[in-house]
């Protein structure tokens, strides 16, 4: 049995491996998928969730998949946060959840290098953010 991940991002790949402990998949296949979000970066909860689901449109034959989409959400005039929506289909059953929020100051939201530095020093890593969410989903399986 194959599990498809709608990304080749290393943090998403590593977090997806958590699913392998619960289900018996022969292998995971990583496929680049488009979120169809204008500009590529989702802003707000609705765009983030829709981008995640959009990445799964190619799976029309009951394939097992996991899709992960991170987006930025304005929290206040001074702060934003990064959040991921995770959408999984295994054996035709859907599981989904929102990850923990990773807050950051608004002045760095469009500076990738500063965002990465901020997240590395002041919050959980992206891997931890995604892995914790998948572990939470697995408690419902």
N, C-alpha and C. Protein backbone atom coordinates (compact mmCIF):
# COMPACT_ATOMS: atom_id res chain seq x y z
N UNK A 1 0.85 -1.17 0.00
CA UNK A 1 0.00 0.00 0.00
C UNK A 1 0.90 1.24 0.00
N UNK A 2 0.57 2.21 -0.84
CA UNK A 2 1.36 3.42 -1.00
C UNK A 2 0.66 4.60 -0.32
N UNK A 3 1.46 5.45 0.33
CA UNK A 3 0.99 6.71 0.87
C UNK A 3 1.63 7.81 0.05
N UNK A 4 0.82 8.74 -0.45
CA UNK A 4 1.32 9.87 -1.22
C UNK A 4 1.40 11.10 -0.34
N UNK A 5 2.53 11.78 -0.39
CA UNK A 5 2.71 13.08 0.27
C UNK A 5 2.75 14.13 -0.82
N UNK A 6 1.96 15.19 -0.68
CA UNK A 6 1.84 16.19 -1.74
C UNK A 6 2.95 17.23 -1.67
N UNK A 7 4.17 16.80 -1.34
CA UNK A 7 5.29 17.72 -1.22
C UNK A 7 6.59 16.94 -1.24
N UNK A 8 7.67 17.65 -1.53
CA UNK A 8 9.01 17.08 -1.40
C UNK A 8 9.81 17.84 -0.34
N UNK A 9 9.15 18.65 0.47
CA UNK A 9 9.78 19.41 1.54
C UNK A 9 10.28 18.45 2.63
N UNK A 10 11.53 18.60 3.05
CA UNK A 10 12.13 17.65 3.99
C UNK A 10 11.43 17.63 5.35
N UNK A 11 10.97 18.77 5.86
CA UNK A 11 10.25 18.78 7.14
C UNK A 11 8.94 18.02 7.03
N UNK A 12 8.26 18.17 5.90
CA UNK A 12 6.99 17.47 5.69
C UNK A 12 7.23 15.96 5.51
N UNK A 13 8.31 15.62 4.83
CA UNK A 13 8.67 14.21 4.65
C UNK A 13 8.95 13.57 6.01
N UNK A 14 9.76 14.22 6.82
CA UNK A 14 10.12 13.66 8.13
C UNK A 14 8.90 13.54 9.04
N UNK A 15 8.02 14.53 9.03
CA UNK A 15 6.82 14.45 9.86
C UNK A 15 5.88 13.34 9.37
N UNK A 16 5.82 13.14 8.07
CA UNK A 16 4.96 12.10 7.50
C UNK A 16 5.39 10.72 7.96
N UNK A 17 6.66 10.54 8.22
CA UNK A 17 7.15 9.23 8.67
C UNK A 17 6.46 8.77 9.94
N UNK A 18 5.90 9.69 10.71
CA UNK A 18 5.15 9.32 11.92
C UNK A 18 3.97 8.42 11.56
N UNK A 19 3.36 8.66 10.41
CA UNK A 19 2.22 7.84 9.98
C UNK A 19 2.64 6.39 9.73
N UNK A 20 3.89 6.20 9.38
CA UNK A 20 4.36 4.85 9.06
C UNK A 20 4.36 3.96 10.29
N UNK A 21 4.38 4.56 11.47
CA UNK A 21 4.36 3.75 12.70
C UNK A 21 2.96 3.23 13.01
N UNK A 22 1.93 3.84 12.45
CA UNK A 22 0.55 3.47 12.74
C UNK A 22 -0.06 2.59 11.65
N UNK A 23 0.36 2.81 10.41
CA UNK A 23 -0.22 2.09 9.27
C UNK A 23 0.88 1.32 8.55
N UNK A 24 0.46 0.28 7.83
CA UNK A 24 1.44 -0.50 7.08
C UNK A 24 1.44 -0.10 5.62
N UNK A 25 2.30 0.85 5.30
CA UNK A 25 2.49 1.27 3.91
C UNK A 25 3.76 0.65 3.40
N UNK A 26 3.73 0.23 2.14
CA UNK A 26 4.94 -0.30 1.51
C UNK A 26 5.97 0.81 1.34
N UNK A 27 5.48 1.98 0.95
CA UNK A 27 6.38 3.13 0.80
C UNK A 27 5.57 4.42 0.70
N UNK A 28 6.31 5.53 0.83
CA UNK A 28 5.72 6.86 0.66
C UNK A 28 6.24 7.40 -0.65
N UNK A 29 5.35 7.94 -1.44
CA UNK A 29 5.73 8.56 -2.71
C UNK A 29 5.50 10.07 -2.57
N UNK A 30 6.55 10.83 -2.85
CA UNK A 30 6.51 12.29 -2.72
C UNK A 30 6.22 12.91 -4.08
N UNK A 31 5.14 13.67 -4.15
CA UNK A 31 4.75 14.28 -5.42
C UNK A 31 4.55 15.78 -5.23
N UNK A 32 5.17 16.55 -6.11
CA UNK A 32 4.95 18.00 -6.09
C UNK A 32 3.51 18.26 -6.48
N UNK A 33 2.85 19.07 -5.71
CA UNK A 33 1.45 19.40 -5.97
C UNK A 33 1.26 20.89 -5.82
N UNK A 34 0.33 21.43 -6.59
CA UNK A 34 0.09 22.86 -6.58
C UNK A 34 -1.07 23.19 -5.65
N UNK A 35 -0.87 24.21 -4.83
CA UNK A 35 -1.94 24.65 -3.92
C UNK A 35 -2.97 25.52 -4.64
N UNK A 36 -2.62 25.99 -5.82
CA UNK A 36 -3.49 26.89 -6.59
C UNK A 36 -3.87 28.15 -5.81
N UNK A 37 -3.00 28.58 -4.91
CA UNK A 37 -3.18 29.83 -4.19
C UNK A 37 -2.36 30.89 -4.92
N UNK A 38 -3.02 31.98 -5.27
CA UNK A 38 -2.35 33.05 -6.00
C UNK A 38 -1.14 33.54 -5.20
N UNK A 39 0.01 33.58 -5.87
CA UNK A 39 1.25 33.99 -5.22
C UNK A 39 1.95 32.86 -4.49
N UNK A 40 1.28 31.72 -4.30
CA UNK A 40 1.90 30.56 -3.69
C UNK A 40 1.85 30.51 -2.17
N UNK A 41 1.86 31.66 -1.51
CA UNK A 41 1.84 31.69 -0.04
C UNK A 41 0.43 31.99 0.45
N UNK A 42 -0.20 31.05 1.16
CA UNK A 42 -1.53 31.32 1.69
C UNK A 42 -1.49 32.31 2.86
N UNK A 43 -2.45 33.19 2.88
CA UNK A 43 -2.64 34.14 3.98
C UNK A 43 -4.04 33.92 4.53
N UNK A 44 -4.12 33.65 5.81
CA UNK A 44 -5.40 33.41 6.45
C UNK A 44 -5.71 31.93 6.52
N UNK A 45 -6.61 31.61 7.43
CA UNK A 45 -6.98 30.21 7.66
C UNK A 45 -7.69 29.60 6.46
N UNK A 46 -8.59 30.36 5.84
CA UNK A 46 -9.35 29.81 4.70
C UNK A 46 -8.43 29.45 3.54
N UNK A 47 -7.51 30.36 3.18
CA UNK A 47 -6.59 30.07 2.07
C UNK A 47 -5.67 28.90 2.40
N UNK A 48 -5.23 28.83 3.65
CA UNK A 48 -4.32 27.75 4.05
C UNK A 48 -5.02 26.40 3.92
N UNK A 49 -6.22 26.31 4.45
CA UNK A 49 -6.97 25.05 4.37
C UNK A 49 -7.29 24.71 2.91
N UNK A 50 -7.73 25.70 2.13
CA UNK A 50 -8.07 25.43 0.73
C UNK A 50 -6.85 25.01 -0.07
N UNK A 51 -5.71 25.65 0.17
CA UNK A 51 -4.48 25.26 -0.52
C UNK A 51 -4.09 23.83 -0.22
N UNK A 52 -4.26 23.43 1.02
CA UNK A 52 -3.94 22.05 1.42
C UNK A 52 -4.84 21.06 0.69
N UNK A 53 -6.13 21.34 0.67
CA UNK A 53 -7.08 20.44 0.00
C UNK A 53 -6.86 20.46 -1.50
N UNK A 54 -6.55 21.63 -2.07
CA UNK A 54 -6.29 21.73 -3.51
C UNK A 54 -5.15 20.80 -3.95
N UNK A 55 -4.18 20.61 -3.09
CA UNK A 55 -3.03 19.76 -3.42
C UNK A 55 -3.44 18.29 -3.61
N UNK A 56 -4.61 17.93 -3.15
CA UNK A 56 -5.04 16.52 -3.23
C UNK A 56 -5.97 16.25 -4.40
N UNK A 57 -6.28 17.24 -5.23
CA UNK A 57 -7.25 17.09 -6.32
C UNK A 57 -6.85 16.01 -7.32
N UNK A 58 -5.56 15.71 -7.38
CA UNK A 58 -5.08 14.70 -8.34
C UNK A 58 -5.43 13.27 -7.93
N UNK A 59 -5.82 13.06 -6.69
CA UNK A 59 -6.08 11.72 -6.19
C UNK A 59 -7.56 11.39 -6.32
N UNK A 60 -7.91 10.78 -7.42
CA UNK A 60 -9.32 10.51 -7.74
C UNK A 60 -9.66 9.02 -7.67
N UNK A 61 -8.68 8.19 -7.35
CA UNK A 61 -8.89 6.74 -7.32
C UNK A 61 -8.73 6.16 -5.92
N UNK A 62 -9.15 6.89 -4.92
CA UNK A 62 -9.13 6.43 -3.53
C UNK A 62 -7.72 6.20 -2.99
N UNK A 63 -6.73 6.90 -3.55
CA UNK A 63 -5.36 6.77 -3.04
C UNK A 63 -5.29 7.29 -1.60
N UNK A 64 -4.34 6.74 -0.86
CA UNK A 64 -4.04 7.24 0.48
C UNK A 64 -3.08 8.41 0.34
N UNK A 65 -3.36 9.50 1.04
CA UNK A 65 -2.49 10.67 0.91
C UNK A 65 -2.42 11.45 2.21
N UNK A 66 -1.39 12.29 2.28
CA UNK A 66 -1.29 13.32 3.30
C UNK A 66 -0.89 14.61 2.60
N UNK A 67 -1.57 15.68 2.96
CA UNK A 67 -1.27 16.99 2.41
C UNK A 67 -1.06 17.95 3.58
N UNK A 68 -0.03 18.77 3.47
CA UNK A 68 0.31 19.72 4.53
C UNK A 68 0.52 21.08 3.89
N UNK A 69 -0.13 22.08 4.44
CA UNK A 69 0.01 23.45 3.92
C UNK A 69 0.24 24.39 5.08
N UNK A 70 1.33 25.14 5.04
CA UNK A 70 1.57 26.20 6.01
C UNK A 70 1.09 27.52 5.45
N UNK A 71 0.51 28.34 6.31
CA UNK A 71 0.07 29.66 5.91
C UNK A 71 0.34 30.67 7.01
N UNK A 72 0.25 31.95 6.63
CA UNK A 72 0.45 33.05 7.57
C UNK A 72 -0.89 33.68 7.89
N UNK A 73 -1.11 33.97 9.17
CA UNK A 73 -2.36 34.55 9.63
C UNK A 73 -2.05 35.79 10.46
N UNK A 74 -2.76 36.88 10.18
CA UNK A 74 -2.59 38.10 10.96
C UNK A 74 -3.29 37.93 12.29
N UNK A 75 -2.54 38.08 13.38
CA UNK A 75 -3.08 37.94 14.72
C UNK A 75 -3.46 39.30 15.31
N UNK A 76 -2.60 40.29 15.06
CA UNK A 76 -2.84 41.66 15.51
C UNK A 76 -2.07 42.59 14.57
N UNK A 77 -2.13 43.88 14.82
CA UNK A 77 -1.38 44.82 13.98
C UNK A 77 0.12 44.61 14.08
N UNK A 78 0.55 43.98 15.15
CA UNK A 78 1.98 43.79 15.38
C UNK A 78 2.46 42.36 15.21
N UNK A 79 1.55 41.41 15.15
CA UNK A 79 1.98 40.01 15.15
C UNK A 79 1.20 39.17 14.16
N UNK A 80 1.92 38.23 13.56
CA UNK A 80 1.38 37.21 12.68
C UNK A 80 1.75 35.86 13.26
N UNK A 81 1.16 34.81 12.70
CA UNK A 81 1.62 33.48 13.06
C UNK A 81 1.59 32.57 11.84
N UNK A 82 2.45 31.56 11.91
CA UNK A 82 2.52 30.50 10.92
C UNK A 82 1.74 29.33 11.49
N UNK A 83 0.90 28.71 10.66
CA UNK A 83 0.12 27.56 11.09
C UNK A 83 0.02 26.60 9.91
N UNK A 84 -0.11 25.33 10.20
CA UNK A 84 -0.25 24.33 9.14
C UNK A 84 -1.61 23.65 9.26
N UNK A 85 -2.20 23.37 8.11
CA UNK A 85 -3.37 22.52 8.05
C UNK A 85 -2.92 21.19 7.47
N UNK A 86 -3.29 20.10 8.11
CA UNK A 86 -2.91 18.77 7.66
C UNK A 86 -4.17 18.00 7.31
N UNK A 87 -4.17 17.42 6.12
CA UNK A 87 -5.35 16.75 5.56
C UNK A 87 -4.90 15.37 5.09
N UNK A 88 -5.50 14.32 5.63
CA UNK A 88 -5.07 12.95 5.38
C UNK A 88 -6.26 12.11 4.95
N UNK A 89 -6.04 11.24 3.96
CA UNK A 89 -7.03 10.23 3.62
C UNK A 89 -6.34 8.87 3.65
N UNK A 90 -6.83 7.99 4.51
CA UNK A 90 -6.31 6.63 4.60
C UNK A 90 -7.49 5.68 4.62
N UNK A 91 -7.46 4.73 3.70
CA UNK A 91 -8.55 3.76 3.57
C UNK A 91 -9.91 4.46 3.46
N UNK A 92 -9.93 5.53 2.66
CA UNK A 92 -11.14 6.33 2.38
C UNK A 92 -11.71 7.05 3.60
N UNK A 93 -10.93 7.19 4.64
CA UNK A 93 -11.36 7.97 5.80
C UNK A 93 -10.50 9.23 5.88
N UNK A 94 -11.16 10.37 6.12
CA UNK A 94 -10.48 11.65 6.17
C UNK A 94 -10.17 12.03 7.61
N UNK A 95 -8.95 12.52 7.82
CA UNK A 95 -8.50 13.06 9.10
C UNK A 95 -7.91 14.44 8.80
N UNK A 96 -8.15 15.40 9.66
CA UNK A 96 -7.56 16.71 9.46
C UNK A 96 -7.41 17.43 10.79
N UNK A 97 -6.49 18.38 10.81
CA UNK A 97 -6.26 19.16 12.03
C UNK A 97 -5.39 20.37 11.71
N UNK A 98 -5.47 21.35 12.60
CA UNK A 98 -4.59 22.52 12.56
C UNK A 98 -3.42 22.28 13.51
N UNK A 99 -2.26 22.74 13.11
CA UNK A 99 -1.07 22.62 13.95
C UNK A 99 -1.05 23.72 15.01
N UNK A 100 0.00 23.67 15.82
CA UNK A 100 0.28 24.76 16.76
C UNK A 100 0.63 26.02 15.95
N UNK A 101 0.43 27.17 16.56
CA UNK A 101 0.78 28.45 15.93
C UNK A 101 2.23 28.79 16.28
N UNK A 102 2.93 29.36 15.31
CA UNK A 102 4.29 29.86 15.54
C UNK A 102 4.25 31.36 15.27
N UNK A 103 4.28 32.18 16.33
CA UNK A 103 4.13 33.62 16.21
C UNK A 103 5.42 34.29 15.75
N UNK A 104 5.26 35.41 15.02
CA UNK A 104 6.40 36.21 14.59
C UNK A 104 5.96 37.65 14.39
N UNK A 105 6.90 38.61 14.50
CA UNK A 105 6.55 40.03 14.32
C UNK A 105 6.25 40.35 12.86
N UNK A 106 5.32 41.25 12.64
CA UNK A 106 4.86 41.55 11.27
C UNK A 106 5.96 42.04 10.35
N UNK A 107 6.96 42.72 10.89
CA UNK A 107 7.99 43.31 10.02
C UNK A 107 8.87 42.27 9.32
N UNK A 108 8.78 41.01 9.72
CA UNK A 108 9.61 40.00 9.02
C UNK A 108 8.79 39.02 8.20
N UNK A 109 7.48 39.23 8.05
CA UNK A 109 6.65 38.22 7.38
C UNK A 109 7.02 38.02 5.91
N UNK A 110 7.66 38.98 5.28
CA UNK A 110 8.03 38.80 3.88
C UNK A 110 9.54 38.65 3.70
N UNK A 111 10.27 38.31 4.76
CA UNK A 111 11.71 38.11 4.70
C UNK A 111 12.02 36.67 5.14
N UNK A 112 12.14 35.80 4.18
CA UNK A 112 12.29 34.37 4.46
C UNK A 112 13.48 34.09 5.38
N UNK A 113 14.61 34.70 5.12
CA UNK A 113 15.80 34.46 5.94
C UNK A 113 15.55 34.84 7.40
N UNK A 114 14.96 36.01 7.63
CA UNK A 114 14.69 36.44 9.01
C UNK A 114 13.61 35.59 9.66
N UNK A 115 12.63 35.16 8.87
CA UNK A 115 11.60 34.27 9.42
C UNK A 115 12.22 32.96 9.91
N UNK A 116 13.06 32.37 9.10
CA UNK A 116 13.71 31.11 9.48
C UNK A 116 14.54 31.29 10.74
N UNK A 117 15.32 32.38 10.80
CA UNK A 117 16.13 32.67 11.98
C UNK A 117 15.24 32.82 13.22
N UNK A 118 14.13 33.55 13.06
CA UNK A 118 13.21 33.77 14.17
C UNK A 118 12.64 32.44 14.66
N UNK A 119 12.15 31.62 13.73
CA UNK A 119 11.55 30.35 14.11
C UNK A 119 12.58 29.42 14.77
N UNK A 120 13.81 29.42 14.28
CA UNK A 120 14.84 28.56 14.85
C UNK A 120 15.19 28.93 16.29
N UNK A 121 15.10 30.24 16.61
CA UNK A 121 15.51 30.70 17.93
C UNK A 121 14.35 30.85 18.92
N UNK A 122 13.14 31.12 18.43
CA UNK A 122 12.08 31.55 19.34
C UNK A 122 10.86 30.64 19.38
N UNK A 123 10.78 29.64 18.55
CA UNK A 123 9.60 28.79 18.53
C UNK A 123 10.02 27.34 18.32
N UNK A 124 9.03 26.47 18.29
CA UNK A 124 9.31 25.09 17.91
C UNK A 124 9.68 25.07 16.42
N UNK A 125 10.38 24.06 16.01
CA UNK A 125 10.76 23.93 14.60
C UNK A 125 9.53 23.57 13.77
N UNK A 126 9.64 23.74 12.48
CA UNK A 126 8.54 23.35 11.60
C UNK A 126 8.29 21.85 11.70
N UNK A 127 9.36 21.07 11.76
CA UNK A 127 9.20 19.63 11.91
C UNK A 127 8.38 19.31 13.16
N UNK A 128 8.74 19.94 14.30
CA UNK A 128 7.99 19.68 15.54
C UNK A 128 6.54 20.12 15.40
N UNK A 129 6.33 21.25 14.76
CA UNK A 129 4.97 21.75 14.54
C UNK A 129 4.14 20.73 13.78
N UNK A 130 4.68 20.19 12.70
CA UNK A 130 3.97 19.23 11.87
C UNK A 130 3.85 17.87 12.55
N UNK A 131 4.94 17.41 13.13
CA UNK A 131 4.93 16.11 13.78
C UNK A 131 3.95 16.08 14.95
N UNK A 132 3.93 17.13 15.76
CA UNK A 132 2.99 17.19 16.88
C UNK A 132 1.55 17.12 16.40
N UNK A 133 1.26 17.77 15.29
CA UNK A 133 -0.09 17.75 14.75
C UNK A 133 -0.46 16.35 14.24
N UNK A 134 0.46 15.71 13.55
CA UNK A 134 0.20 14.35 13.05
C UNK A 134 0.00 13.39 14.23
N UNK A 135 0.82 13.54 15.25
CA UNK A 135 0.64 12.69 16.45
C UNK A 135 -0.73 12.90 17.07
N UNK A 136 -1.19 14.13 17.08
CA UNK A 136 -2.52 14.44 17.60
C UNK A 136 -3.62 13.78 16.75
N UNK A 137 -3.45 13.83 15.43
CA UNK A 137 -4.41 13.18 14.53
C UNK A 137 -4.44 11.67 14.78
N UNK A 138 -3.27 11.09 15.00
CA UNK A 138 -3.20 9.63 15.20
C UNK A 138 -3.93 9.18 16.45
N UNK A 139 -4.12 10.05 17.40
CA UNK A 139 -4.88 9.66 18.60
C UNK A 139 -6.35 9.50 18.29
N UNK A 140 -6.79 10.01 17.14
CA UNK A 140 -8.20 9.89 16.76
C UNK A 140 -8.45 8.69 15.85
N UNK A 141 -7.39 8.05 15.39
CA UNK A 141 -7.50 6.94 14.45
C UNK A 141 -7.86 5.66 15.20
